[in-house]
Amino acid sequence: MSHANYPLSYYAASANVAPERPSLRETKYTDICIIGAGYTGLSTGLFLAEHGYRVVVLEAAKVGFGASGRNGGQIVNSYSRDIDSVERSVRSHEARLIGDMAFEGGRIIRERIARYGIQCDLKDGGVFAALTTKQMRHLEAQKSLWHRYGYDQLELLDQNDIRQVVDSDRYVGGTLDKLGGHIHPLNLALGEAAALESLGGVIHEQSPVIRIERGPTPVVHTAEGSVHASFLVIAGNAYLGGLVPELAAKSMPCGTQVIATEPLGDELAGSLLPQDYCVEDCNYLLDYYRLSADKRLIYGGGVAYGARDPANIESIIRPKLLKTFPQLQGIKIDYSWTGNFLLTLSRLPQVGRLGENIYYSQGCSGHGVTYTHLAGKIISEALRGQAERFDAFASLPHHPFPGGHQLRVPLSALGALYYSLRDRLGF
C-alpha cells in the first residue's frame, strides 16, 4: 500500500496491504453518507451495512489517517471520565444506560476481529498503574464502581504483583483489566474498512468535504463530487476543522506524542512486560506504553493543547520512557509521531443530532479506541429507530471552554499544569 499520505509512524510503516481508494468525482445517491473513515465512521458504516443499508464514506485523507491510525493502540474500558462522573451529570436512567455501555466497545472490537479475520496483533490484558497510594485508592474505588455495573474482570495488584507484570520500580500497585488489551490501531481500521467494503459499502479517500447542504435530503459536497443521502453522520472528530461551526464551539483539538523504539528482542522485551500487557498510569497527563508484535516498546504521553506539532517529539517522550525503564538508556528510537484527539470540557463524548437527519459523535478526549466502536453501534441503532441509548449520550451536558476560542488553549494548558503539579507532588 502507499504510505505517502500517512504520517511517518511505526503503524504506517508496518500497515497491512490495502487498496488505493479513489476520490469522489461524481454525484452519488445513498442511504447514509458518513464524513470520516476513522473508527467512528467505520464502526457506524459497518453496523449499518450489516443491516442492509447503502453506505458511502468520505475521507479527507486515508482510512485511519487521524487518531484511529496513530493512537497508543490500547483497548481501555469505560470513558475518559469514569461512570461516577456520568452519574453526577445526568438523570439516573440515562446514567444507568451509559454505565451499562462502558464495557461494550472492547467486546465490539473483539467481535469484529473474529468475524472478519482482521490481522491487527490483538493481545489481551491492560494494566492501570498507580504511582501513589492516593492513586491506588482511586483504583480500588474504580473496581467497586465497575463491579456495581456488573463488570468483574478487574484484579487488584499490590506492589509485588505489579513488579511481576511491569519491570519498573515506579508503581505502588495497580489493577489488571483482563478484558483490556492492545492492537495495531491502523491495521484494525484498515480491516474494518475492508469489512465494510465486503458488504457493499463505498469509501472515497482524498475527498475532503467542503460544504454540507442541509435539508430534507442532505447533500455533501467535495471539490469534484457530491453525495445525496437520507441521513448524514459526521465523524471527523479532531480533523473536522470548521466544517460544522456548532460542533467546533465546545471542543478543542489536542495532540499527543508517541515514540517506538528499535526492536528489543524477545529477552529484553519479555523482561520489561513479561505478560505482554499494555499499561497506562493514573496521572492526569498520563503515560501509556506496550510492546508491538515485533517487540518494540511503543511509549506515549503528554498533551499539546491546540493540536500543534512539537518540534522534537523524542526529546519530550524519551525522558518519560527512561524514568519508567532506566534499563533502556541508550536505546535507539526508530519512529516518533504525533496525532490529534478532540477534547471536551467535561472530557465526556458529545453526541447528538443537527435537525432530524444529521447525526454526530465526537470528543472522545483521548479515550476513543473503545468508545468510537460503541458510538458506531448506537448511531446505527438510532438511524434504525432505536434511539434510547443514543439519546442517553445526547443528554450529557456540554459547555464551551472558558475564555472562548482565543483563550481556550492557554487556559486549558494552565489547568493541565496545575493537575500535573498535583500528580508530581502526590496530592
Protein backbone atom coordinates (compact mmCIF):
# COMPACT_ATOMS: atom_id res chain seq x y z
CA MET A 1 0.00 0.00 0.00
CA SER A 2 1.03 3.63 -0.42
CA HIS A 3 2.09 5.36 2.80
CA ALA A 4 2.57 8.75 1.17
CA ASN A 5 -0.47 10.29 2.85
CA TYR A 6 0.07 8.89 6.34
CA PRO A 7 2.35 10.50 8.92
CA LEU A 8 5.67 8.71 9.29
CA SER A 9 4.77 6.41 12.17
CA TYR A 10 5.53 2.84 13.14
CA TYR A 11 1.93 1.98 12.33
CA ALA A 12 2.12 3.33 8.78
CA ALA A 13 5.44 1.56 8.22
CA SER A 14 4.01 -1.80 9.35
CA ALA A 15 0.49 -1.49 7.93
CA ASN A 16 -1.20 -4.35 6.12
CA VAL A 17 -1.65 -4.14 2.36
CA ALA A 18 -4.73 -2.09 1.43
CA PRO A 19 -6.15 -0.84 -1.87
CA GLU A 20 -5.94 2.73 -3.09
CA ARG A 21 -9.44 4.14 -2.84
CA PRO A 22 -10.36 6.74 -5.48
CA SER A 23 -11.55 10.22 -4.63
CA LEU A 24 -15.17 11.17 -5.26
CA ARG A 25 -15.60 12.58 -8.77
CA GLU A 26 -19.31 12.17 -9.42
CA THR A 27 -22.77 12.62 -7.91
CA LYS A 28 -23.96 9.70 -5.80
CA TYR A 29 -27.21 8.77 -4.08
CA THR A 30 -27.20 6.61 -0.97
CA ASP A 31 -28.99 5.83 2.28
CA ILE A 32 -26.23 7.01 4.61
CA CYS A 33 -23.28 9.33 3.98
CA ILE A 34 -20.54 9.34 6.61
CA ILE A 35 -17.84 12.00 6.91
CA GLY A 36 -14.64 10.43 8.25
CA ALA A 37 -13.06 6.99 7.82
CA GLY A 38 -11.76 6.62 11.35
CA TYR A 39 -13.17 4.25 13.95
CA THR A 40 -16.42 6.19 14.50
CA GLY A 41 -17.23 6.37 10.80
CA LEU A 42 -16.12 2.82 10.03
CA SER A 43 -17.94 1.34 13.01
CA THR A 44 -21.13 3.19 12.10
CA GLY A 45 -20.87 2.20 8.45
CA LEU A 46 -20.17 -1.44 9.23
CA PHE A 47 -23.15 -1.78 11.59
CA LEU A 48 -25.42 -0.15 9.02
CA ALA A 49 -24.10 -2.23 6.12
CA GLU A 50 -24.70 -5.36 8.18
CA HIS A 51 -28.35 -4.30 8.31
CA GLY A 52 -28.57 -3.79 4.57
CA TYR A 53 -28.12 -0.02 4.26
CA ARG A 54 -26.23 1.58 1.38
CA VAL A 55 -23.27 3.47 2.87
CA VAL A 56 -20.83 5.97 1.33
CA VAL A 57 -17.88 7.18 3.45
CA LEU A 58 -15.95 10.33 2.53
CA GLU A 59 -12.42 10.60 3.94
CA ALA A 60 -10.29 13.72 3.55
CA ALA A 61 -7.01 11.74 3.54
CA LYS A 62 -6.67 7.97 4.06
CA VAL A 63 -8.54 5.36 6.09
CA GLY A 64 -7.38 5.73 9.70
CA PHE A 65 -5.37 8.87 8.94
CA GLY A 66 -6.33 10.62 12.20
CA ALA A 67 -6.36 9.36 15.78
CA SER A 68 -7.63 5.93 14.72
CA GLY A 69 -4.33 5.17 12.99
CA ARG A 70 -1.93 6.94 15.38
CA ASN A 71 -3.07 6.20 18.93
CA GLY A 72 -1.42 4.09 21.61
CA GLY A 73 -3.29 1.00 20.47
CA GLN A 74 -4.81 0.27 23.88
CA ILE A 75 -8.24 -1.25 24.45
CA VAL A 76 -9.30 0.59 27.61
CA ASN A 77 -12.78 0.18 29.07
CA SER A 78 -15.13 2.97 30.22
CA TYR A 79 -14.69 6.62 29.20
CA SER A 80 -12.15 9.42 29.67
CA ARG A 81 -14.15 10.43 32.75
CA ASP A 82 -15.45 7.37 34.55
CA ILE A 83 -19.02 6.29 35.22
CA ASP A 84 -19.20 8.21 38.52
CA SER A 85 -18.79 11.46 36.55
CA VAL A 86 -21.63 10.37 34.30
CA GLU A 87 -23.78 9.67 37.36
CA ARG A 88 -23.25 13.26 38.52
CA SER A 89 -24.10 14.69 35.10
CA VAL A 90 -27.40 13.10 34.04
CA ARG A 91 -30.53 11.51 35.47
CA SER A 92 -30.33 8.03 36.95
CA HIS A 93 -31.94 6.28 33.96
CA GLU A 94 -29.51 7.79 31.45
CA ALA A 95 -26.57 7.20 33.81
CA ARG A 96 -27.51 3.54 34.11
CA LEU A 97 -27.68 3.15 30.33
CA ILE A 98 -24.31 4.85 29.78
CA GLY A 99 -22.73 2.88 32.61
CA ASP A 100 -24.01 -0.39 31.20
CA MET A 101 -22.36 0.50 27.86
CA ALA A 102 -18.96 1.29 29.40
CA PHE A 103 -17.55 -2.17 28.62
CA GLU A 104 -19.25 -2.78 25.28
CA GLY A 105 -16.71 -1.13 22.96
CA GLY A 106 -13.99 -3.67 23.72
CA ARG A 107 -16.41 -6.53 23.05
CA ILE A 108 -17.33 -4.97 19.70
CA ILE A 109 -13.65 -4.74 18.71
CA ARG A 110 -13.05 -8.40 19.52
CA GLU A 111 -16.21 -9.46 17.70
CA ARG A 112 -15.15 -7.50 14.59
CA ILE A 113 -11.66 -9.01 14.65
CA ALA A 114 -13.07 -12.54 14.95
CA ARG A 115 -15.90 -12.18 12.42
CA TYR A 116 -13.87 -10.53 9.68
CA GLY A 117 -10.48 -12.13 10.34
CA ILE A 118 -8.76 -8.79 10.94
CA GLN A 119 -5.00 -9.16 11.44
CA CYS A 120 -4.14 -6.46 13.97
CA ASP A 121 -1.99 -8.20 16.63
CA LEU A 122 -4.69 -8.43 19.32
CA LYS A 123 -3.33 -9.11 22.82
CA ASP A 124 -5.41 -9.40 26.00
CA GLY A 125 -4.75 -7.62 29.27
CA GLY A 126 -4.37 -3.98 30.29
CA VAL A 127 -2.86 -2.53 33.47
CA PHE A 128 -3.73 0.70 35.29
CA ALA A 129 -0.59 1.56 37.26
CA ALA A 130 -0.69 3.66 40.44
CA LEU A 131 2.28 5.89 41.30
CA THR A 132 0.93 6.93 44.72
CA THR A 133 -1.22 5.47 47.47
CA LYS A 134 -3.89 8.05 46.59
CA GLN A 135 -4.00 6.73 43.04
CA MET A 136 -4.19 3.20 44.41
CA ARG A 137 -7.24 4.17 46.48
CA HIS A 138 -8.78 5.55 43.30
CA LEU A 139 -8.22 2.21 41.54
CA GLU A 140 -9.82 0.36 44.44
CA ALA A 141 -12.85 2.66 44.17
CA GLN A 142 -12.93 2.14 40.40
CA LYS A 143 -13.02 -1.62 40.88
CA SER A 144 -16.05 -1.25 43.17
CA LEU A 145 -17.71 1.18 40.76
CA TRP A 146 -17.28 -1.13 37.77
CA HIS A 147 -18.48 -4.10 39.80
CA ARG A 148 -21.68 -2.16 40.50
CA TYR A 149 -22.28 -2.22 36.75
CA GLY A 150 -21.69 -5.96 36.52
CA TYR A 151 -18.03 -5.88 35.47
CA ASP A 152 -15.87 -8.42 37.30
CA GLN A 153 -12.70 -8.51 35.17
CA LEU A 154 -10.58 -6.13 37.29
CA GLU A 155 -7.92 -7.65 39.56
CA LEU A 156 -6.12 -5.59 42.20
CA LEU A 157 -2.31 -5.72 42.08
CA ASP A 158 -0.16 -4.86 45.09
CA GLN A 159 3.40 -3.57 44.77
CA ASN A 160 4.84 -7.06 44.44
CA ASP A 161 2.18 -8.11 41.93
CA ILE A 162 2.75 -5.17 39.63
CA ARG A 163 6.50 -5.81 39.59
CA GLN A 164 5.65 -9.20 38.07
CA VAL A 165 3.92 -7.53 35.10
CA VAL A 166 5.99 -4.32 34.72
CA ASP A 167 9.74 -4.27 35.39
CA SER A 168 9.73 -0.79 36.91
CA ASP A 169 10.00 0.42 40.47
CA ARG A 170 7.76 3.45 39.89
CA TYR A 171 4.47 1.87 40.92
CA VAL A 172 2.92 1.14 44.31
CA GLY A 173 0.26 -1.10 42.80
CA GLY A 174 -2.40 -1.18 40.13
CA THR A 175 -5.21 -3.12 38.57
CA LEU A 176 -5.26 -5.65 35.76
CA ASP A 177 -8.23 -5.42 33.41
CA LYS A 178 -8.42 -8.88 31.91
CA LEU A 179 -10.63 -7.60 29.08
CA GLY A 180 -8.37 -4.69 28.34
CA GLY A 181 -5.73 -5.26 25.72
CA HIS A 182 -3.93 -3.81 22.74
CA ILE A 183 -3.92 -3.87 18.95
CA HIS A 184 -2.18 -2.38 15.92
CA PRO A 185 -4.64 0.51 15.56
CA LEU A 186 -4.13 1.32 11.88
CA ASN A 187 -4.47 -2.32 10.88
CA LEU A 188 -7.71 -2.51 12.86
CA ALA A 189 -9.06 0.47 10.88
CA LEU A 190 -7.91 -1.00 7.57
CA GLY A 191 -9.53 -4.31 8.44
CA GLU A 192 -12.81 -2.64 9.33
CA ALA A 193 -12.72 -0.67 6.07
CA ALA A 194 -12.26 -3.90 4.11
CA ALA A 195 -15.15 -5.47 6.06
CA LEU A 196 -17.40 -2.54 5.19
CA GLU A 197 -16.49 -2.80 1.52
CA SER A 198 -17.15 -6.56 1.56
CA LEU A 199 -20.76 -5.71 2.43
CA GLY A 200 -21.14 -3.19 -0.39
CA GLY A 201 -20.04 -0.05 1.43
CA VAL A 202 -18.06 2.50 -0.58
CA ILE A 203 -15.12 4.55 0.78
CA HIS A 204 -13.67 7.53 -1.08
CA GLU A 205 -10.26 8.71 0.13
CA GLN A 206 -8.70 12.09 -0.70
CA SER A 207 -12.23 13.53 -0.64
CA PRO A 208 -12.39 16.37 1.88
CA VAL A 209 -15.89 17.74 2.38
CA ILE A 210 -16.10 21.45 1.61
CA ARG A 211 -19.81 22.09 2.19
CA ILE A 212 -22.89 20.46 3.68
CA GLU A 213 -26.26 21.36 2.22
CA ARG A 214 -28.77 20.75 4.98
CA GLY A 215 -32.41 19.96 4.33
CA PRO A 216 -34.84 17.04 3.92
CA THR A 217 -32.15 15.20 1.95
CA PRO A 218 -28.66 16.36 2.96
CA VAL A 219 -26.16 16.91 0.16
CA VAL A 220 -22.45 16.64 0.94
CA HIS A 221 -20.10 18.41 -1.46
CA THR A 222 -16.44 17.72 -2.20
CA ALA A 223 -14.30 19.59 -4.73
CA GLU A 224 -15.27 17.23 -7.56
CA GLY A 225 -18.45 15.47 -6.50
CA SER A 226 -21.42 15.25 -4.18
CA VAL A 227 -23.41 12.69 -2.21
CA HIS A 228 -27.19 12.89 -1.70
CA ALA A 229 -28.27 10.85 1.33
CA SER A 230 -31.27 10.21 3.53
CA PHE A 231 -29.05 10.63 6.59
CA LEU A 232 -25.64 12.12 7.26
CA VAL A 233 -23.22 11.02 10.01
CA ILE A 234 -20.44 13.43 10.97
CA ALA A 235 -17.45 11.50 12.33
CA GLY A 236 -14.49 13.81 11.69
CA ASN A 237 -13.59 14.37 15.36
CA ALA A 238 -10.36 16.40 15.71
CA TYR A 239 -9.94 16.60 11.93
CA LEU A 240 -13.32 18.15 11.14
CA GLY A 241 -11.97 21.71 11.13
CA GLY A 242 -14.59 24.45 10.85
CA LEU A 243 -16.92 22.49 8.57
CA VAL A 244 -19.69 22.42 11.21
CA PRO A 245 -19.28 25.54 13.39
CA GLU A 246 -21.65 24.41 16.16
CA LEU A 247 -19.57 21.28 16.69
CA ALA A 248 -16.31 23.23 16.92
CA ALA A 249 -17.59 25.64 19.58
CA LYS A 250 -17.48 23.21 22.52
CA SER A 251 -14.39 21.17 21.70
CA MET A 252 -10.66 21.61 21.17
CA PRO A 253 -8.19 19.54 19.12
CA CYS A 254 -5.18 18.40 21.16
CA GLY A 255 -2.06 16.48 20.20
CA THR A 256 -0.39 13.55 21.89
CA GLN A 257 3.13 12.29 21.19
CA VAL A 258 4.31 8.71 20.69
CA ILE A 259 7.65 7.03 20.05
CA ALA A 260 8.61 3.49 19.05
CA THR A 261 11.99 2.01 19.89
CA GLU A 262 14.07 -0.25 17.75
CA PRO A 263 13.14 -3.96 18.14
CA LEU A 264 14.25 -5.03 21.62
CA GLY A 265 14.42 -8.77 21.04
CA ASP A 266 12.43 -11.40 22.90
CA GLU A 267 14.56 -11.46 26.06
CA LEU A 268 14.69 -7.72 26.78
CA ALA A 269 11.09 -7.11 25.72
CA GLY A 270 9.93 -10.05 27.82
CA SER A 271 11.76 -8.71 30.86
CA LEU A 272 10.01 -5.32 30.61
CA LEU A 273 6.45 -6.62 30.19
CA PRO A 274 6.51 -10.38 30.85
CA GLN A 275 2.79 -10.95 30.15
CA ASP A 276 2.72 -8.56 27.18
CA TYR A 277 0.04 -6.39 28.79
CA CYS A 278 -0.39 -2.74 27.88
CA VAL A 279 0.00 -0.18 30.65
CA GLU A 280 -1.21 3.31 31.44
CA ASP A 281 -0.51 5.21 34.62
CA CYS A 282 -3.04 7.17 36.68
CA ASN A 283 -1.66 10.69 36.27
CA TYR A 284 -3.83 13.45 34.81
CA LEU A 285 -1.30 13.77 31.98
CA LEU A 286 -0.73 10.05 31.77
CA ASP A 287 1.98 7.90 30.20
CA TYR A 288 0.99 4.78 28.26
CA TYR A 289 3.05 2.02 26.70
CA ARG A 290 3.05 -1.50 25.30
CA LEU A 291 5.04 -3.86 23.11
CA SER A 292 4.45 -4.17 19.37
CA ALA A 293 4.25 -7.53 17.63
CA ASP A 294 7.92 -7.20 16.63
CA LYS A 295 8.95 -6.37 20.23
CA ARG A 296 9.38 -2.60 20.06
CA LEU A 297 8.33 -0.53 23.04
CA ILE A 298 5.66 1.95 21.97
CA TYR A 299 5.56 4.76 24.53
CA GLY A 300 3.33 7.83 24.55
CA GLY A 301 2.32 10.73 26.75
CA GLY A 302 1.92 14.44 27.06
CA VAL A 303 -0.64 16.77 25.52
CA ALA A 304 -0.15 19.68 23.11
CA TYR A 305 -3.20 21.89 23.53
CA GLY A 306 -4.46 23.31 20.27
CA ALA A 307 -3.01 20.39 18.28
CA ARG A 308 0.34 21.97 17.46
CA ASP A 309 3.12 19.58 16.47
CA PRO A 310 6.13 19.76 18.83
CA ALA A 311 9.48 20.21 17.09
CA ASN A 312 11.22 17.26 18.75
CA ILE A 313 8.86 14.56 19.96
CA GLU A 314 11.67 12.25 21.03
CA SER A 315 13.05 14.87 23.43
CA ILE A 316 9.63 15.05 25.12
CA ILE A 317 8.91 11.33 25.41
CA ARG A 318 12.35 9.71 25.84
CA PRO A 319 12.79 11.12 29.39
CA LYS A 320 9.40 9.67 30.34
CA LEU A 321 10.36 6.29 28.92
CA LEU A 322 13.70 6.28 30.79
CA LYS A 323 12.05 7.29 34.05
CA THR A 324 9.91 4.16 33.78
CA PHE A 325 12.58 1.90 32.28
CA PRO A 326 16.06 3.25 33.08
CA GLN A 327 17.46 -0.06 31.79
CA LEU A 328 16.70 1.23 28.25
CA GLN A 329 19.29 4.00 28.48
CA GLY A 330 20.85 4.46 25.04
CA ILE A 331 18.09 2.61 23.19
CA LYS A 332 17.51 3.77 19.61
CA ILE A 333 14.20 5.41 18.74
CA ASP A 334 13.11 4.39 15.24
CA TYR A 335 9.83 6.32 14.99
CA SER A 336 8.23 9.37 16.60
CA TRP A 337 4.89 10.91 15.68
CA THR A 338 2.01 12.97 16.93
CA GLY A 339 -1.73 12.75 16.40
CA ASN A 340 -4.75 14.79 17.37
CA PHE A 341 -7.68 13.91 19.57
CA LEU A 342 -10.69 16.09 20.37
CA LEU A 343 -11.07 17.32 23.95
CA THR A 344 -14.33 18.43 25.55
CA LEU A 345 -14.51 20.46 28.74
CA SER A 346 -16.24 17.59 30.58
CA ARG A 347 -13.96 15.01 28.91
CA LEU A 348 -17.11 13.08 28.01
CA PRO A 349 -18.15 12.48 24.38
CA GLN A 350 -20.50 14.80 22.51
CA VAL A 351 -23.35 13.01 20.76
CA GLY A 352 -26.42 14.45 19.08
CA ARG A 353 -28.44 15.47 16.04
CA LEU A 354 -28.45 18.56 13.85
CA GLY A 355 -32.03 18.73 12.65
CA GLU A 356 -33.70 15.39 12.01
CA ASN A 357 -31.26 13.72 9.65
CA ILE A 358 -27.69 14.68 10.64
CA TYR A 359 -26.09 12.69 13.45
CA TYR A 360 -22.70 13.17 15.09
CA SER A 361 -20.37 11.77 17.72
CA GLN A 362 -17.08 13.37 18.73
CA GLY A 363 -14.87 14.42 21.64
CA CYS A 364 -13.55 11.12 23.00
CA SER A 365 -10.97 13.20 24.93
CA GLY A 366 -8.10 10.76 24.49
CA HIS A 367 -10.09 7.64 25.32
CA GLY A 368 -11.52 6.75 21.95
CA VAL A 369 -10.50 3.27 20.83
CA THR A 370 -13.36 1.51 22.62
CA TYR A 371 -15.86 4.38 22.74
CA THR A 372 -15.78 5.01 18.98
CA HIS A 373 -16.76 1.41 18.29
CA LEU A 374 -19.67 1.77 20.71
CA ALA A 375 -20.58 5.09 19.07
CA GLY A 376 -20.95 3.37 15.73
CA LYS A 377 -23.41 0.92 17.25
CA ILE A 378 -25.58 3.50 19.00
CA ILE A 379 -25.68 5.76 15.92
CA SER A 380 -26.72 2.82 13.76
CA GLU A 381 -29.39 1.92 16.32
CA ALA A 382 -30.74 5.47 16.25
CA LEU A 383 -30.87 5.52 12.46
CA ARG A 384 -32.83 2.28 12.60
CA GLY A 385 -35.36 3.79 15.03
CA GLN A 386 -33.93 2.56 18.36
CA ALA A 387 -32.64 5.79 19.88
CA GLU A 388 -32.77 5.21 23.65
CA ARG A 389 -29.06 4.53 24.07
CA PHE A 390 -28.09 7.29 21.62
CA ASP A 391 -30.32 9.75 23.48
CA ALA A 392 -28.72 8.81 26.80
CA PHE A 393 -25.36 10.04 25.48
CA ALA A 394 -27.03 13.05 23.87
CA SER A 395 -28.31 14.04 27.34
CA LEU A 396 -24.77 14.65 28.64
CA PRO A 397 -24.35 18.41 29.20
CA HIS A 398 -21.55 20.22 27.35
CA HIS A 399 -20.25 23.76 27.80
CA PRO A 400 -17.80 26.00 25.93
CA PHE A 401 -14.23 26.27 27.17
CA PRO A 402 -13.72 29.32 29.42
CA GLY A 403 -12.37 32.33 27.56
CA GLY A 404 -13.87 31.40 24.22
CA HIS A 405 -11.93 30.38 21.12
CA GLN A 406 -8.92 32.64 21.72
CA LEU A 407 -8.25 31.69 25.35
CA ARG A 408 -9.23 28.02 25.43
CA VAL A 409 -5.70 26.81 24.62
CA PRO A 410 -3.73 28.82 27.23
CA LEU A 411 -6.37 28.31 29.93
CA SER A 412 -6.52 24.55 29.28
CA ALA A 413 -2.73 24.35 29.34
CA LEU A 414 -2.71 26.25 32.65
CA GLY A 415 -5.26 23.83 34.10
CA ALA A 416 -3.19 20.87 32.90
CA LEU A 417 -0.09 22.36 34.52
CA TYR A 418 -1.97 22.56 37.82
CA TYR A 419 -3.01 18.89 37.65
CA SER A 420 0.46 17.87 36.50
CA LEU A 421 1.95 19.55 39.59
CA ARG A 422 -0.58 17.74 41.76
CA ASP A 423 0.48 14.44 40.18
CA ARG A 424 4.15 15.23 40.74
CA LEU A 425 3.63 16.19 44.36
CA GLY A 426 1.34 13.24 45.06
CA PHE A 427 -1.71 15.31 46.03
